[in-house]
Amino acid sequence: MTDYRKIDKELLERVSDNARLKLSDEEIEKFTKQLEDIIDAFKSLDEVDTKNVKPSFHPQEISDVYREDKAEKFDWNSLANTKHKEGKHFKGPKIV
């Protein structure tokens, strides 16, 4: 079984200092308990037998999904929804 580091007040103070967090004594006690619970949850993973399990780096199989590239004419009138146009251009306010 993997040896996990003990979560204690000194460790949490050092980590919060490195992260430049100002934690009160109540917050340190609260977070210490929460981190211990999280580490305990991960310890249960050590008990799972993975000897005959093939490593998986992705939850889904990765495959190429490329489609054939076809050139198509793009017909879009960018001025269709404006009343401020002149010919093929947007018409702006007159600058004086």
Protein backbone atom coordinates (compact mmCIF):
# COMPACT_ATOMS: atom_id res chain seq x y z
CA MET A 1 0.00 0.00 0.00
CA THR A 2 1.21 3.48 -0.85
CA ASP A 3 2.42 5.58 2.05
CA TYR A 4 0.47 8.84 2.00
CA ARG A 5 1.77 11.95 3.64
CA LYS A 6 -0.04 12.94 6.81
CA ILE A 7 -2.19 16.04 6.40
CA ASP A 8 -1.57 18.24 9.42
CA LYS A 9 -1.71 21.90 10.42
CA GLU A 10 1.94 22.55 9.48
CA LEU A 11 1.54 21.13 5.99
CA LEU A 12 -1.62 23.14 5.37
CA GLU A 13 0.01 26.34 6.65
CA ARG A 14 3.00 25.79 4.34
CA VAL A 15 0.80 25.14 1.32
CA SER A 16 -1.42 28.15 2.04
CA ASP A 17 1.69 30.31 2.50
CA ASN A 18 3.05 29.14 -0.88
CA ALA A 19 -0.33 29.93 -2.46
CA ARG A 20 -0.34 33.31 -0.68
CA LEU A 21 -3.58 32.55 1.12
CA LYS A 22 -4.34 34.01 4.51
CA LEU A 23 -6.24 31.30 6.39
CA SER A 24 -7.68 31.67 9.86
CA ASP A 25 -7.19 28.94 12.49
CA GLU A 26 -10.81 27.84 11.98
CA GLU A 27 -10.27 27.52 8.22
CA ILE A 28 -7.07 25.55 8.73
CA GLU A 29 -8.86 23.08 11.02
CA LYS A 30 -11.79 22.79 8.57
CA PHE A 31 -9.56 22.28 5.51
CA THR A 32 -7.29 19.83 7.32
CA LYS A 33 -10.27 17.58 8.03
CA GLN A 34 -11.56 17.93 4.46
CA LEU A 35 -8.16 17.08 2.96
CA GLU A 36 -7.83 14.03 5.24
CA ASP A 37 -11.23 12.83 4.00
CA ILE A 38 -10.14 13.30 0.39
CA ILE A 39 -6.89 11.37 0.94
CA ASP A 40 -8.85 8.58 2.66
CA ALA A 41 -11.13 8.33 -0.38
CA PHE A 42 -8.10 7.93 -2.65
CA LYS A 43 -6.60 5.31 -0.33
CA SER A 44 -9.52 3.04 -1.19
CA LEU A 45 -8.26 2.95 -4.78
CA ASP A 46 -5.10 1.16 -3.57
CA GLU A 47 -7.23 -1.85 -2.69
CA VAL A 48 -8.45 -2.36 -6.27
CA ASP A 49 -6.75 -5.26 -8.08
CA THR A 50 -5.34 -3.89 -11.34
CA LYS A 51 -2.79 -6.59 -12.18
CA ASN A 52 -4.51 -7.77 -15.38
CA VAL A 53 -5.96 -4.42 -16.42
CA LYS A 54 -4.61 -2.83 -19.57
CA PRO A 55 -3.60 0.85 -19.08
CA SER A 56 -6.07 3.37 -20.44
CA PHE A 57 -5.04 6.92 -21.08
CA HIS A 58 -8.31 8.04 -22.66
CA PRO A 59 -11.85 7.12 -21.64
CA GLN A 60 -12.83 6.74 -25.31
CA GLU A 61 -10.96 5.25 -28.20
CA ILE A 62 -9.29 7.93 -30.27
CA SER A 63 -9.75 7.68 -34.03
CA ASP A 64 -9.54 10.05 -36.95
CA VAL A 65 -12.89 11.48 -37.97
CA TYR A 66 -11.80 13.54 -40.93
CA ARG A 67 -14.16 14.03 -43.82
CA GLU A 68 -13.25 14.58 -47.42
CA ASP A 69 -12.53 18.23 -48.12
CA LYS A 70 -14.76 19.61 -50.87
CA ALA A 71 -14.69 23.16 -52.18
CA GLU A 72 -18.16 24.68 -52.29
CA LYS A 73 -19.38 28.09 -53.35
CA PHE A 74 -20.22 30.25 -50.35
CA ASP A 75 -23.12 32.51 -51.17
CA TRP A 76 -23.86 34.89 -48.34
CA ASN A 77 -25.08 38.43 -48.63
CA SER A 78 -23.67 40.29 -45.65
CA LEU A 79 -25.71 43.39 -46.50
CA ALA A 80 -29.08 41.61 -46.67
CA ASN A 81 -30.22 42.70 -43.18
CA THR A 82 -29.13 46.33 -43.19
CA LYS A 83 -30.66 49.46 -44.61
CA HIS A 84 -27.32 51.30 -44.38
CA LYS A 85 -25.76 50.18 -47.65
CA GLU A 86 -24.61 51.66 -50.88
CA GLY A 87 -23.96 49.19 -53.66
CA LYS A 88 -21.81 46.36 -52.25
CA HIS A 89 -20.59 48.37 -49.24
CA PHE A 90 -21.84 49.42 -45.80
CA LYS A 91 -22.73 53.10 -45.66
CA GLY A 92 -21.53 54.91 -42.57
CA PRO A 93 -22.26 58.38 -41.20
CA LYS A 94 -20.76 61.36 -42.97
CA ILE A 95 -17.59 62.68 -41.31
CA VAL A 96 -17.29 66.46 -41.26
